[in-house]
């Protein structure tokens, strides 16, 4: 995809939700495997994971994150809801329909689900921005309860995935009702790339209709860490460089890099590949875990007070394998913080 700019829309507000339950990685792994626990913690940077209760779904977390956003903006002002997740409530119906009812949104609300992983937040922003430009206020929401897909005895790198959710309100800038007052010069610029031929590096087989006789990791979530690292350090810089070039910007023009919190080591390698100082690609999820599409809004919510968000580059990468990047002004965006459920 070539770089695409969407003007006259803005990110009005961002809210996130996390389970209260926090589990240390060293407590998830038997004491007889202490060396593995130490290695996982050291390499990934994750010390503990937020894990949702058994009966808590992704949409349950979304509902809590959405409450302050809807109380401010007004439920009747929402024209569409976009739900991004790998862990919907049901195979069908789409979870966006469930949320339309649960959140008390008008029955005229346009609803759509997007089955996407680590690049899902940027993908959701793109689709939601297109909808907002034509319809009005769009509630982009999602996240994952990925822990439910990982067996208790799975101590592979896939055990670093955690649970979390986000809500982001996108609205046209010409709305009088509490819309962000960004100008057309603050158009959101997007760039994407898909490498479906590498899909086996991050996959969960036999979870729907395609039956595999000998599925990877016995049909549980499978991740080839080396392949994902190789992909990230080659594909992400390319997508980012194309985006910057088309926008007439340099890396130094970006005030904040909000990259998918895959793990600390990967982000260090990514910074090197992009010729950036390590502190320019922050890691702030050590006590949360990898929450898939929720990592970017969670990172922004954590660091909003000490970061210059006037020109943010968001980059998501992973399942697909896919990359999504955008440049956006979040200086006037309202953050509601992280709600614990």
C-alpha atoms as a PDB file:
ATOM      1  CA  UNK A   1       0.000   0.000   0.000  1.00  0.00           C
ATOM      2  CA  UNK A   2       1.213   3.494  -0.791  1.00  0.00           C
ATOM      3  CA  UNK A   3       1.061   6.154   1.900  1.00  0.00           C
ATOM      4  CA  UNK A   4      -2.475   7.426   2.437  1.00  0.00           C
ATOM      5  CA  UNK A   5      -3.379  10.637   4.274  1.00  0.00           C
ATOM      6  CA  UNK A   6      -6.770  11.213   5.854  1.00  0.00           C
ATOM      7  CA  UNK A   7      -7.594  14.816   6.695  1.00  0.00           C
ATOM      8  CA  UNK A   8     -10.388  16.484   8.692  1.00  0.00           C
ATOM      9  CA  UNK A   9     -10.437  13.781  11.378  1.00  0.00           C
ATOM     10  CA  UNK A  10      -8.772  13.623  14.776  1.00  0.00           C
ATOM     11  CA  UNK A  11      -8.294  11.248  17.665  1.00  0.00           C
ATOM     12  CA  UNK A  12     -10.518  12.786  20.276  1.00  0.00           C
ATOM     13  CA  UNK A  13      -9.798  10.526  23.261  1.00  0.00           C
ATOM     14  CA  UNK A  14      -8.160   7.283  24.397  1.00  0.00           C
ATOM     15  CA  UNK A  15      -9.095   5.034  27.320  1.00  0.00           C
ATOM     16  CA  UNK A  16      -7.697   1.653  28.353  1.00  0.00           C
ATOM     17  CA  UNK A  17      -8.605  -1.190  30.686  1.00  0.00           C
ATOM     18  CA  UNK A  18      -6.545  -3.917  32.331  1.00  0.00           C
ATOM     19  CA  UNK A  19      -7.463  -6.800  34.615  1.00  0.00           C
ATOM     20  CA  UNK A  20      -6.555  -6.180  38.255  1.00  0.00           C
ATOM     21  CA  UNK A  21      -5.074  -9.655  38.453  1.00  0.00           C
ATOM     22  CA  UNK A  22      -1.285  -9.581  37.999  1.00  0.00           C
ATOM     23  CA  UNK A  23       0.720 -12.811  37.814  1.00  0.00           C
ATOM     24  CA  UNK A  24       4.498 -12.910  38.051  1.00  0.00           C
ATOM     25  CA  UNK A  25       6.163 -14.952  35.334  1.00  0.00           C
ATOM     26  CA  UNK A  26       8.319 -16.706  37.925  1.00  0.00           C
ATOM     27  CA  UNK A  27       5.131 -17.866  39.664  1.00  0.00           C
ATOM     28  CA  UNK A  28       3.686 -19.295  36.443  1.00  0.00           C
ATOM     29  CA  UNK A  29       6.648 -21.605  35.910  1.00  0.00           C
ATOM     30  CA  UNK A  30       7.532 -24.512  38.246  1.00  0.00           C
ATOM     31  CA  UNK A  31      10.515 -23.927  40.535  1.00  0.00           C
ATOM     32  CA  UNK A  32      12.264 -26.822  38.816  1.00  0.00           C
ATOM     33  CA  UNK A  33      12.326 -24.635  35.677  1.00  0.00           C
ATOM     34  CA  UNK A  34      13.633 -21.506  37.384  1.00  0.00           C
ATOM     35  CA  UNK A  35      16.304 -21.039  34.728  1.00  0.00           C
ATOM     36  CA  UNK A  36      13.638 -20.787  32.044  1.00  0.00           C
ATOM     37  CA  UNK A  37      11.664 -18.235  34.067  1.00  0.00           C
ATOM     38  CA  UNK A  38      14.785 -16.134  34.544  1.00  0.00           C
ATOM     39  CA  UNK A  39      15.631 -16.322  30.848  1.00  0.00           C
ATOM     40  CA  UNK A  40      12.120 -15.350  29.714  1.00  0.00           C
ATOM     41  CA  UNK A  41      12.068 -12.382  32.094  1.00  0.00           C
ATOM     42  CA  UNK A  42      15.553 -11.221  31.145  1.00  0.00           C
ATOM     43  CA  UNK A  43      15.062 -11.505  27.387  1.00  0.00           C
ATOM     44  CA  UNK A  44      11.507 -10.184  27.133  1.00  0.00           C
ATOM     45  CA  UNK A  45      11.611  -7.577  29.882  1.00  0.00           C
ATOM     46  CA  UNK A  46       8.254  -8.774  31.190  1.00  0.00           C
ATOM     47  CA  UNK A  47       8.203  -9.506  34.918  1.00  0.00           C
ATOM     48  CA  UNK A  48       4.439  -9.969  35.345  1.00  0.00           C
ATOM     49  CA  UNK A  49       1.340 -10.330  33.215  1.00  0.00           C
ATOM     50  CA  UNK A  50      -2.191  -8.956  33.543  1.00  0.00           C
ATOM     51  CA  UNK A  51      -4.543 -11.933  33.351  1.00  0.00           C
ATOM     52  CA  UNK A  52      -8.316 -11.645  33.078  1.00  0.00           C
ATOM     53  CA  UNK A  53     -10.633 -13.882  35.127  1.00  0.00           C
ATOM     54  CA  UNK A  54     -11.937 -17.000  33.405  1.00  0.00           C
ATOM     55  CA  UNK A  55     -15.325 -15.544  32.491  1.00  0.00           C
ATOM     56  CA  UNK A  56     -14.107 -12.075  31.507  1.00  0.00           C
ATOM     57  CA  UNK A  57     -14.078 -11.466  27.746  1.00  0.00           C
ATOM     58  CA  UNK A  58     -12.348  -8.834  25.666  1.00  0.00           C
ATOM     59  CA  UNK A  59     -15.651  -6.990  25.280  1.00  0.00           C
ATOM     60  CA  UNK A  60     -16.076  -6.911  29.086  1.00  0.00           C
ATOM     61  CA  UNK A  61     -12.817  -4.979  29.335  1.00  0.00           C
ATOM     62  CA  UNK A  62     -13.849  -2.723  26.454  1.00  0.00           C
ATOM     63  CA  UNK A  63     -17.105  -1.816  28.217  1.00  0.00           C
ATOM     64  CA  UNK A  64     -15.203  -0.472  31.234  1.00  0.00           C
ATOM     65  CA  UNK A  65     -12.772   1.505  29.069  1.00  0.00           C
ATOM     66  CA  UNK A  66     -15.651   2.969  27.054  1.00  0.00           C
ATOM     67  CA  UNK A  67     -17.673   4.377  29.951  1.00  0.00           C
ATOM     68  CA  UNK A  68     -15.812   7.699  30.467  1.00  0.00           C
ATOM     69  CA  UNK A  69     -15.463   8.244  26.724  1.00  0.00           C
ATOM     70  CA  UNK A  70     -19.168   7.804  26.067  1.00  0.00           C
ATOM     71  CA  UNK A  71     -20.170   9.818  29.134  1.00  0.00           C
ATOM     72  CA  UNK A  72     -18.253  12.783  27.700  1.00  0.00           C
ATOM     73  CA  UNK A  73     -19.016  12.426  23.993  1.00  0.00           C
ATOM     74  CA  UNK A  74     -22.557  11.108  24.209  1.00  0.00           C
ATOM     75  CA  UNK A  75     -23.810   7.735  23.059  1.00  0.00           C
ATOM     76  CA  UNK A  76     -26.131   9.221  20.464  1.00  0.00           C
ATOM     77  CA  UNK A  77     -23.157  10.907  18.780  1.00  0.00           C
ATOM     78  CA  UNK A  78     -21.536   7.549  17.959  1.00  0.00           C
ATOM     79  CA  UNK A  79     -22.219   6.627  14.342  1.00  0.00           C
ATOM     80  CA  UNK A  80     -20.022   3.522  14.054  1.00  0.00           C
ATOM     81  CA  UNK A  81     -18.192   1.021  16.231  1.00  0.00           C
ATOM     82  CA  UNK A  82     -15.096  -0.853  15.047  1.00  0.00           C
ATOM     83  CA  UNK A  83     -13.893  -3.815  17.109  1.00  0.00           C
ATOM     84  CA  UNK A  84     -10.336  -5.109  16.563  1.00  0.00           C
ATOM     85  CA  UNK A  85      -9.303  -8.379  18.184  1.00  0.00           C
ATOM     86  CA  UNK A  86      -8.064 -11.937  17.807  1.00  0.00           C
ATOM     87  CA  UNK A  87     -10.309 -13.018  20.683  1.00  0.00           C
ATOM     88  CA  UNK A  88     -13.918 -12.028  19.957  1.00  0.00           C
ATOM     89  CA  UNK A  89     -16.733 -13.090  22.255  1.00  0.00           C
ATOM     90  CA  UNK A  90     -18.149 -15.505  19.685  1.00  0.00           C
ATOM     91  CA  UNK A  91     -17.348 -16.967  16.281  1.00  0.00           C
ATOM     92  CA  UNK A  92     -20.590 -15.212  15.357  1.00  0.00           C
ATOM     93  CA  UNK A  93     -22.211 -12.747  15.815  1.00  0.00           C
ATOM     94  CA  UNK A  94     -19.569 -10.047  15.475  1.00  0.00           C
ATOM     95  CA  UNK A  95     -18.585  -8.597  18.852  1.00  0.00           C
ATOM     96  CA  UNK A  96     -19.233  -5.055  17.584  1.00  0.00           C
ATOM     97  CA  UNK A  97     -22.959  -5.940  17.551  1.00  0.00           C
ATOM     98  CA  UNK A  98     -22.685  -7.197  21.129  1.00  0.00           C
ATOM     99  CA  UNK A  99     -21.006  -3.953  22.170  1.00  0.00           C
ATOM    100  CA  UNK A 100     -23.589  -1.819  20.369  1.00  0.00           C
ATOM    101  CA  UNK A 101     -26.178  -3.320  22.688  1.00  0.00           C
ATOM    102  CA  UNK A 102     -24.082  -3.473  25.861  1.00  0.00           C
ATOM    103  CA  UNK A 103     -22.881   0.120  25.522  1.00  0.00           C
ATOM    104  CA  UNK A 104     -26.368   1.432  24.785  1.00  0.00           C
ATOM    105  CA  UNK A 105     -25.516   2.793  21.340  1.00  0.00           C
ATOM    106  CA  UNK A 106     -28.270   3.680  18.842  1.00  0.00           C
ATOM    107  CA  UNK A 107     -29.560   0.847  16.668  1.00  0.00           C
ATOM    108  CA  UNK A 108     -28.495   2.915  13.652  1.00  0.00           C
ATOM    109  CA  UNK A 109     -24.814   2.390  14.628  1.00  0.00           C
ATOM    110  CA  UNK A 110     -22.685   0.855  11.877  1.00  0.00           C
ATOM    111  CA  UNK A 111     -20.859  -2.174  13.315  1.00  0.00           C
ATOM    112  CA  UNK A 112     -17.798  -4.020  12.015  1.00  0.00           C
ATOM    113  CA  UNK A 113     -15.227  -6.466  13.440  1.00  0.00           C
ATOM    114  CA  UNK A 114     -11.610  -6.693  12.280  1.00  0.00           C
ATOM    115  CA  UNK A 115      -9.709  -9.930  12.921  1.00  0.00           C
ATOM    116  CA  UNK A 116      -6.213  -8.527  13.378  1.00  0.00           C
ATOM    117  CA  UNK A 117      -3.357  -8.880  15.837  1.00  0.00           C
ATOM    118  CA  UNK A 118      -0.302  -6.804  16.644  1.00  0.00           C
ATOM    119  CA  UNK A 119      -0.810  -4.285  13.828  1.00  0.00           C
ATOM    120  CA  UNK A 120      -4.501  -4.081  14.675  1.00  0.00           C
ATOM    121  CA  UNK A 121      -4.510  -0.711  16.410  1.00  0.00           C
ATOM    122  CA  UNK A 122      -3.130   1.110  13.371  1.00  0.00           C
ATOM    123  CA  UNK A 123      -5.416  -0.878  11.051  1.00  0.00           C
ATOM    124  CA  UNK A 124      -8.353   0.095  13.241  1.00  0.00           C
ATOM    125  CA  UNK A 125      -7.342   3.764  13.197  1.00  0.00           C
ATOM    126  CA  UNK A 126      -7.261   3.700   9.405  1.00  0.00           C
ATOM    127  CA  UNK A 127     -10.691   2.123   8.953  1.00  0.00           C
ATOM    128  CA  UNK A 128     -12.188   4.273  11.728  1.00  0.00           C
ATOM    129  CA  UNK A 129     -10.757   7.476  10.247  1.00  0.00           C
ATOM    130  CA  UNK A 130     -12.313   6.689   6.865  1.00  0.00           C
ATOM    131  CA  UNK A 131     -15.657   6.036   8.554  1.00  0.00           C
ATOM    132  CA  UNK A 132     -15.433   9.161  10.731  1.00  0.00           C
ATOM    133  CA  UNK A 133     -14.780  11.356   7.717  1.00  0.00           C
ATOM    134  CA  UNK A 134     -18.051  10.199   6.190  1.00  0.00           C
ATOM    135  CA  UNK A 135     -20.276   9.311   9.139  1.00  0.00           C
ATOM    136  CA  UNK A 136     -19.239  11.171  12.302  1.00  0.00           C
ATOM    137  CA  UNK A 137     -18.002   9.887  15.663  1.00  0.00           C
ATOM    138  CA  UNK A 138     -16.471   6.398  15.528  1.00  0.00           C
ATOM    139  CA  UNK A 139     -15.737   4.264  18.577  1.00  0.00           C
ATOM    140  CA  UNK A 140     -12.650   2.187  17.816  1.00  0.00           C
ATOM    141  CA  UNK A 141     -12.246  -0.491  20.441  1.00  0.00           C
ATOM    142  CA  UNK A 142     -10.615  -3.834  20.972  1.00  0.00           C
ATOM    143  CA  UNK A 143      -7.758  -5.682  22.578  1.00  0.00           C
ATOM    144  CA  UNK A 144      -7.389  -9.296  23.544  1.00  0.00           C
ATOM    145  CA  UNK A 145      -7.797 -11.864  26.293  1.00  0.00           C
ATOM    146  CA  UNK A 146      -5.035 -13.938  24.767  1.00  0.00           C
ATOM    147  CA  UNK A 147      -4.178 -15.695  28.039  1.00  0.00           C
ATOM    148  CA  UNK A 148      -7.265 -17.879  27.554  1.00  0.00           C
ATOM    149  CA  UNK A 149      -5.634 -19.456  24.494  1.00  0.00           C
ATOM    150  CA  UNK A 150      -2.427 -20.455  26.317  1.00  0.00           C
ATOM    151  CA  UNK A 151      -2.522 -23.718  28.331  1.00  0.00           C
ATOM    152  CA  UNK A 152      -1.317 -23.467  31.933  1.00  0.00           C
ATOM    153  CA  UNK A 153       1.624 -25.763  31.172  1.00  0.00           C
ATOM    154  CA  UNK A 154       2.829 -23.804  28.138  1.00  0.00           C
ATOM    155  CA  UNK A 155       6.120 -22.196  29.159  1.00  0.00           C
ATOM    156  CA  UNK A 156       7.243 -21.225  25.653  1.00  0.00           C
ATOM    157  CA  UNK A 157       7.690 -17.578  24.613  1.00  0.00           C
ATOM    158  CA  UNK A 158       3.968 -17.528  23.833  1.00  0.00           C
ATOM    159  CA  UNK A 159       3.386 -17.335  27.579  1.00  0.00           C
ATOM    160  CA  UNK A 160       4.308 -13.614  27.579  1.00  0.00           C
ATOM    161  CA  UNK A 161       0.932 -12.641  26.120  1.00  0.00           C
ATOM    162  CA  UNK A 162      -1.479 -10.896  28.468  1.00  0.00           C
ATOM    163  CA  UNK A 163      -4.960  -9.338  28.499  1.00  0.00           C
ATOM    164  CA  UNK A 164      -6.048  -5.756  27.959  1.00  0.00           C
ATOM    165  CA  UNK A 165      -8.403  -3.499  26.023  1.00  0.00           C
ATOM    166  CA  UNK A 166      -8.637   0.000  24.584  1.00  0.00           C
ATOM    167  CA  UNK A 167     -11.188   2.496  23.324  1.00  0.00           C
ATOM    168  CA  UNK A 168     -10.320   5.330  20.972  1.00  0.00           C
ATOM    169  CA  UNK A 169     -12.775   7.962  19.775  1.00  0.00           C
ATOM    170  CA  UNK A 170     -12.208   9.338  16.267  1.00  0.00           C
ATOM    171  CA  UNK A 171     -14.309  12.238  15.092  1.00  0.00           C
ATOM    172  CA  UNK A 172     -14.466  14.737  12.229  1.00  0.00           C
ATOM    173  CA  UNK A 173     -12.724  17.989  13.062  1.00  0.00           C
ATOM    174  CA  UNK A 174     -15.687  20.005  11.817  1.00  0.00           C
ATOM    175  CA  UNK A 175     -17.949  18.643  14.553  1.00  0.00           C
ATOM    176  CA  UNK A 176     -18.919  21.231  17.133  1.00  0.00           C
ATOM    177  CA  UNK A 177     -19.628  18.606  19.784  1.00  0.00           C
ATOM    178  CA  UNK A 178     -16.347  18.122  21.654  1.00  0.00           C
ATOM    179  CA  UNK A 179     -14.344  17.233  18.572  1.00  0.00           C
ATOM    180  CA  UNK A 180     -10.596  17.747  18.443  1.00  0.00           C
ATOM    181  CA  UNK A 181      -9.807  21.109  16.837  1.00  0.00           C
ATOM    182  CA  UNK A 182      -6.877  19.862  14.752  1.00  0.00           C
ATOM    183  CA  UNK A 183      -6.494  21.487  11.333  1.00  0.00           C
ATOM    184  CA  UNK A 184      -6.250  19.790   7.949  1.00  0.00           C
ATOM    185  CA  UNK A 185      -2.478  20.130   8.261  1.00  0.00           C
ATOM    186  CA  UNK A 186      -2.751  17.463  10.953  1.00  0.00           C
ATOM    187  CA  UNK A 187      -3.954  14.791   8.542  1.00  0.00           C
ATOM    188  CA  UNK A 188      -3.222  11.270   9.743  1.00  0.00           C
ATOM    189  CA  UNK A 189      -0.784   9.525   7.380  1.00  0.00           C
ATOM    190  CA  UNK A 190      -0.819   5.715   7.089  1.00  0.00           C
ATOM    191  CA  UNK A 191       1.325   3.021   5.527  1.00  0.00           C
ATOM    192  CA  UNK A 192       0.840  -0.764   5.615  1.00  0.00           C
ATOM    193  CA  UNK A 193       2.531  -3.935   4.386  1.00  0.00           C
ATOM    194  CA  UNK A 194       1.443  -7.570   4.466  1.00  0.00           C
ATOM    195  CA  UNK A 195       3.668 -10.644   4.168  1.00  0.00           C
ATOM    196  CA  UNK A 196       1.157 -13.480   4.260  1.00  0.00           C
ATOM    197  CA  UNK A 197       3.741 -15.956   3.004  1.00  0.00           C
ATOM    198  CA  UNK A 198       5.338 -15.750   6.467  1.00  0.00           C
ATOM    199  CA  UNK A 199       2.090 -16.390   8.360  1.00  0.00           C
ATOM    200  CA  UNK A 200       3.364 -19.629   9.938  1.00  0.00           C
ATOM    201  CA  UNK A 201       5.744 -17.654  12.184  1.00  0.00           C
ATOM    202  CA  UNK A 202       2.805 -16.555  14.368  1.00  0.00           C
ATOM    203  CA  UNK A 203      -0.185 -18.813  14.098  1.00  0.00           C
ATOM    204  CA  UNK A 204      -2.881 -20.761  15.904  1.00  0.00           C
ATOM    205  CA  UNK A 205      -4.027 -23.673  13.776  1.00  0.00           C
ATOM    206  CA  UNK A 206      -7.228 -25.743  14.005  1.00  0.00           C
ATOM    207  CA  UNK A 207      -9.048 -22.909  15.753  1.00  0.00           C
ATOM    208  CA  UNK A 208     -11.682 -22.466  13.042  1.00  0.00           C
ATOM    209  CA  UNK A 209     -12.335 -24.561   9.909  1.00  0.00           C
ATOM    210  CA  UNK A 210      -9.002 -25.411   8.289  1.00  0.00           C
ATOM    211  CA  UNK A 211      -7.956 -28.713   9.880  1.00  0.00           C
ATOM    212  CA  UNK A 212      -4.225 -29.402  10.126  1.00  0.00           C
ATOM    213  CA  UNK A 213      -3.196 -32.983  10.821  1.00  0.00           C
ATOM    214  CA  UNK A 214      -0.105 -32.118  12.886  1.00  0.00           C
ATOM    215  CA  UNK A 215      -0.598 -28.511  14.030  1.00  0.00           C
ATOM    216  CA  UNK A 216       2.258 -26.466  15.433  1.00  0.00           C
ATOM    217  CA  UNK A 217       2.417 -26.473  19.239  1.00  0.00           C
ATOM    218  CA  UNK A 218      -0.453 -29.002  19.348  1.00  0.00           C
ATOM    219  CA  UNK A 219      -2.886 -26.426  18.007  1.00  0.00           C
ATOM    220  CA  UNK A 220      -2.064 -23.863  20.698  1.00  0.00           C
ATOM    221  CA  UNK A 221      -0.650 -20.419  19.854  1.00  0.00           C
ATOM    222  CA  UNK A 222       2.734 -20.857  18.137  1.00  0.00           C
ATOM    223  CA  UNK A 223       5.465 -18.271  17.713  1.00  0.00           C
ATOM    224  CA  UNK A 224       8.816 -18.589  15.959  1.00  0.00           C
ATOM    225  CA  UNK A 225      10.619 -15.865  17.895  1.00  0.00           C
ATOM    226  CA  UNK A 226      13.641 -15.696  15.587  1.00  0.00           C
ATOM    227  CA  UNK A 227      11.474 -15.408  12.480  1.00  0.00           C
ATOM    228  CA  UNK A 228       9.378 -12.644  14.049  1.00  0.00           C
ATOM    229  CA  UNK A 229      12.504 -10.745  15.080  1.00  0.00           C
ATOM    230  CA  UNK A 230      13.980 -11.039  11.592  1.00  0.00           C
ATOM    231  CA  UNK A 231      10.714  -9.827  10.112  1.00  0.00           C
ATOM    232  CA  UNK A 232      10.394  -6.863  12.481  1.00  0.00           C
ATOM    233  CA  UNK A 233      13.909  -5.486  11.967  1.00  0.00           C
ATOM    234  CA  UNK A 234      13.599  -5.707   8.182  1.00  0.00           C
ATOM    235  CA  UNK A 235       9.963  -4.846   7.437  1.00  0.00           C
ATOM    236  CA  UNK A 236       9.200  -2.165  10.038  1.00  0.00           C
ATOM    237  CA  UNK A 237      12.057   0.226   9.081  1.00  0.00           C
ATOM    238  CA  UNK A 238      11.039  -0.064   5.421  1.00  0.00           C
ATOM    239  CA  UNK A 239       7.404   0.832   6.112  1.00  0.00           C
ATOM    240  CA  UNK A 240       8.422   3.674   8.450  1.00  0.00           C
ATOM    241  CA  UNK A 241      10.964   5.106   6.000  1.00  0.00           C
ATOM    242  CA  UNK A 242       8.373   5.111   3.198  1.00  0.00           C
ATOM    243  CA  UNK A 243       5.911   6.876   5.482  1.00  0.00           C
ATOM    244  CA  UNK A 244       8.408   9.535   6.554  1.00  0.00           C
ATOM    245  CA  UNK A 245       9.601  10.164   3.000  1.00  0.00           C
ATOM    246  CA  UNK A 246       6.078  10.616   1.638  1.00  0.00           C
ATOM    247  CA  UNK A 247       5.314  13.023   4.484  1.00  0.00           C
ATOM    248  CA  UNK A 248       8.514  15.007   3.911  1.00  0.00           C
ATOM    249  CA  UNK A 249       9.773  14.207   7.410  1.00  0.00           C
ATOM    250  CA  UNK A 250      12.916  12.788   8.990  1.00  0.00           C
ATOM    251  CA  UNK A 251      13.191  10.489  11.987  1.00  0.00           C
ATOM    252  CA  UNK A 252      14.173  13.492  14.109  1.00  0.00           C
ATOM    253  CA  UNK A 253      10.892  15.225  13.249  1.00  0.00           C
ATOM    254  CA  UNK A 254       8.978  12.552  15.139  1.00  0.00           C
ATOM    255  CA  UNK A 255       8.399  13.648  18.729  1.00  0.00           C
ATOM    256  CA  UNK A 256       7.442  10.191  20.031  1.00  0.00           C
ATOM    257  CA  UNK A 257       7.693   6.633  18.719  1.00  0.00           C
ATOM    258  CA  UNK A 258       4.849   4.434  19.968  1.00  0.00           C
ATOM    259  CA  UNK A 259       5.788   0.927  18.856  1.00  0.00           C
ATOM    260  CA  UNK A 260       4.033  -2.353  19.573  1.00  0.00           C
ATOM    261  CA  UNK A 261       5.332  -3.665  22.911  1.00  0.00           C
ATOM    262  CA  UNK A 262       6.317  -7.095  21.598  1.00  0.00           C
ATOM    263  CA  UNK A 263       9.121  -7.363  24.161  1.00  0.00           C
ATOM    264  CA  UNK A 264      12.068  -5.282  25.335  1.00  0.00           C
ATOM    265  CA  UNK A 265      14.780  -7.114  23.371  1.00  0.00           C
ATOM    266  CA  UNK A 266      12.913  -6.859  20.081  1.00  0.00           C
ATOM    267  CA  UNK A 267      12.434  -3.115  20.560  1.00  0.00           C
ATOM    268  CA  UNK A 268      16.166  -2.684  21.189  1.00  0.00           C
ATOM    269  CA  UNK A 269      16.943  -4.525  17.956  1.00  0.00           C
ATOM    270  CA  UNK A 270      14.318  -2.445  16.164  1.00  0.00           C
ATOM    271  CA  UNK A 271      15.854   0.808  17.403  1.00  0.00           C
ATOM    272  CA  UNK A 272      19.232  -0.303  16.072  1.00  0.00           C
ATOM    273  CA  UNK A 273      17.701  -1.243  12.716  1.00  0.00           C
ATOM    274  CA  UNK A 274      16.079   2.196  12.496  1.00  0.00           C
ATOM    275  CA  UNK A 275      19.292   3.979  13.572  1.00  0.00           C
ATOM    276  CA  UNK A 276      17.573   5.456  16.610  1.00  0.00           C
ATOM    277  CA  UNK A 277      18.832   5.736  20.204  1.00  0.00           C
ATOM    278  CA  UNK A 278      17.304   2.999  22.351  1.00  0.00           C
ATOM    279  CA  UNK A 279      15.352   5.466  24.468  1.00  0.00           C
ATOM    280  CA  UNK A 280      13.522   6.767  21.393  1.00  0.00           C
ATOM    281  CA  UNK A 281      11.541   3.521  21.215  1.00  0.00           C
ATOM    282  CA  UNK A 282      10.332   3.158  24.810  1.00  0.00           C
ATOM    283  CA  UNK A 283       9.333  -0.081  26.507  1.00  0.00           C
ATOM    284  CA  UNK A 284       6.823   0.416  29.326  1.00  0.00           C
ATOM    285  CA  UNK A 285       4.932  -2.873  29.546  1.00  0.00           C
ATOM    286  CA  UNK A 286       7.154  -4.781  31.959  1.00  0.00           C
ATOM    287  CA  UNK A 287       4.303  -5.180  34.455  1.00  0.00           C
ATOM    288  CA  UNK A 288       1.596  -5.735  31.830  1.00  0.00           C
ATOM    289  CA  UNK A 289       2.783  -8.188  29.178  1.00  0.00           C
ATOM    290  CA  UNK A 290       2.166  -8.276  25.447  1.00  0.00           C
ATOM    291  CA  UNK A 291      -1.493  -7.298  25.010  1.00  0.00           C
ATOM    292  CA  UNK A 292      -1.457  -7.573  21.187  1.00  0.00           C
ATOM    293  CA  UNK A 293      -3.439  -4.698  19.607  1.00  0.00           C
ATOM    294  CA  UNK A 294      -3.807  -2.885  22.951  1.00  0.00           C
ATOM    295  CA  UNK A 295      -0.076  -2.293  23.516  1.00  0.00           C
ATOM    296  CA  UNK A 296       0.140   1.021  21.628  1.00  0.00           C
ATOM    297  CA  UNK A 297      -2.801   2.803  23.334  1.00  0.00           C
ATOM    298  CA  UNK A 298      -1.614   1.408  26.686  1.00  0.00           C
ATOM    299  CA  UNK A 299       1.894   2.766  26.069  1.00  0.00           C
ATOM    300  CA  UNK A 300       0.496   6.184  25.146  1.00  0.00           C
ATOM    301  CA  UNK A 301      -1.702   6.183  28.244  1.00  0.00           C
ATOM    302  CA  UNK A 302       1.261   5.318  30.484  1.00  0.00           C
ATOM    303  CA  UNK A 303       3.651   7.919  29.076  1.00  0.00           C
ATOM    304  CA  UNK A 304       1.268  10.686  28.062  1.00  0.00           C
ATOM    305  CA  UNK A 305       2.400  13.119  30.756  1.00  0.00           C
ATOM    306  CA  UNK A 306       6.124  12.988  30.034  1.00  0.00           C
ATOM    307  CA  UNK A 307       5.943  12.644  26.243  1.00  0.00           C
ATOM    308  CA  UNK A 308       5.601  15.201  23.456  1.00  0.00           C
ATOM    309  CA  UNK A 309       2.685  13.800  21.478  1.00  0.00           C
ATOM    310  CA  UNK A 310       2.480  16.509  18.819  1.00  0.00           C
ATOM    311  CA  UNK A 311       3.857  14.200  16.117  1.00  0.00           C
ATOM    312  CA  UNK A 312       3.559  10.553  17.106  1.00  0.00           C
ATOM    313  CA  UNK A 313       4.607   7.633  14.936  1.00  0.00           C
ATOM    314  CA  UNK A 314       2.638   4.511  15.839  1.00  0.00           C
ATOM    315  CA  UNK A 315       3.960   1.206  14.499  1.00  0.00           C
ATOM    316  CA  UNK A 316       2.295  -2.162  14.960  1.00  0.00           C
ATOM    317  CA  UNK A 317       3.810  -5.384  13.659  1.00  0.00           C
ATOM    318  CA  UNK A 318       3.353  -9.106  14.065  1.00  0.00           C
ATOM    319  CA  UNK A 319       0.609 -11.609  13.214  1.00  0.00           C
ATOM    320  CA  UNK A 320       0.066 -11.846   9.488  1.00  0.00           C
ATOM    321  CA  UNK A 321       2.889 -11.177   9.216  1.00  0.00           C
ATOM    322  CA  UNK A 322       1.936  -7.521   8.884  1.00  0.00           C
ATOM    323  CA  UNK A 323       3.090  -3.979   9.588  1.00  0.00           C
ATOM    324  CA  UNK A 324       0.987  -0.870  10.068  1.00  0.00           C
ATOM    325  CA  UNK A 325       2.360   2.601  10.782  1.00  0.00           C
ATOM    326  CA  UNK A 326       0.841   6.057  11.056  1.00  0.00           C
ATOM    327  CA  UNK A 327       1.856   9.594  11.976  1.00  0.00           C
ATOM    328  CA  UNK A 328      -0.666  11.519  14.039  1.00  0.00           C
ATOM    329  CA  UNK A 329      -0.965  14.579  16.275  1.00  0.00           C
ATOM    330  CA  UNK A 330      -2.151  13.538  19.749  1.00  0.00           C
ATOM    331  CA  UNK A 331      -1.253  16.765  21.545  1.00  0.00           C
ATOM    332  CA  UNK A 332      -4.915  17.654  22.106  1.00  0.00           C
ATOM    333  CA  UNK A 333      -6.158  14.112  22.640  1.00  0.00           C
ATOM    334  CA  UNK A 334      -7.818  13.449  25.982  1.00  0.00           C
ATOM    335  CA  UNK A 335      -6.493  10.470  27.911  1.00  0.00           C
ATOM    336  CA  UNK A 336      -8.628   8.792  30.552  1.00  0.00           C
ATOM    337  CA  UNK A 337      -5.785   6.618  31.829  1.00  0.00           C
ATOM    338  CA  UNK A 338      -5.974   2.906  32.601  1.00  0.00           C
ATOM    339  CA  UNK A 339      -9.063   1.494  34.301  1.00  0.00           C
ATOM    340  CA  UNK A 340      -8.506  -1.669  36.344  1.00  0.00           C
ATOM    341  CA  UNK A 341     -11.280  -4.258  36.137  1.00  0.00           C
END
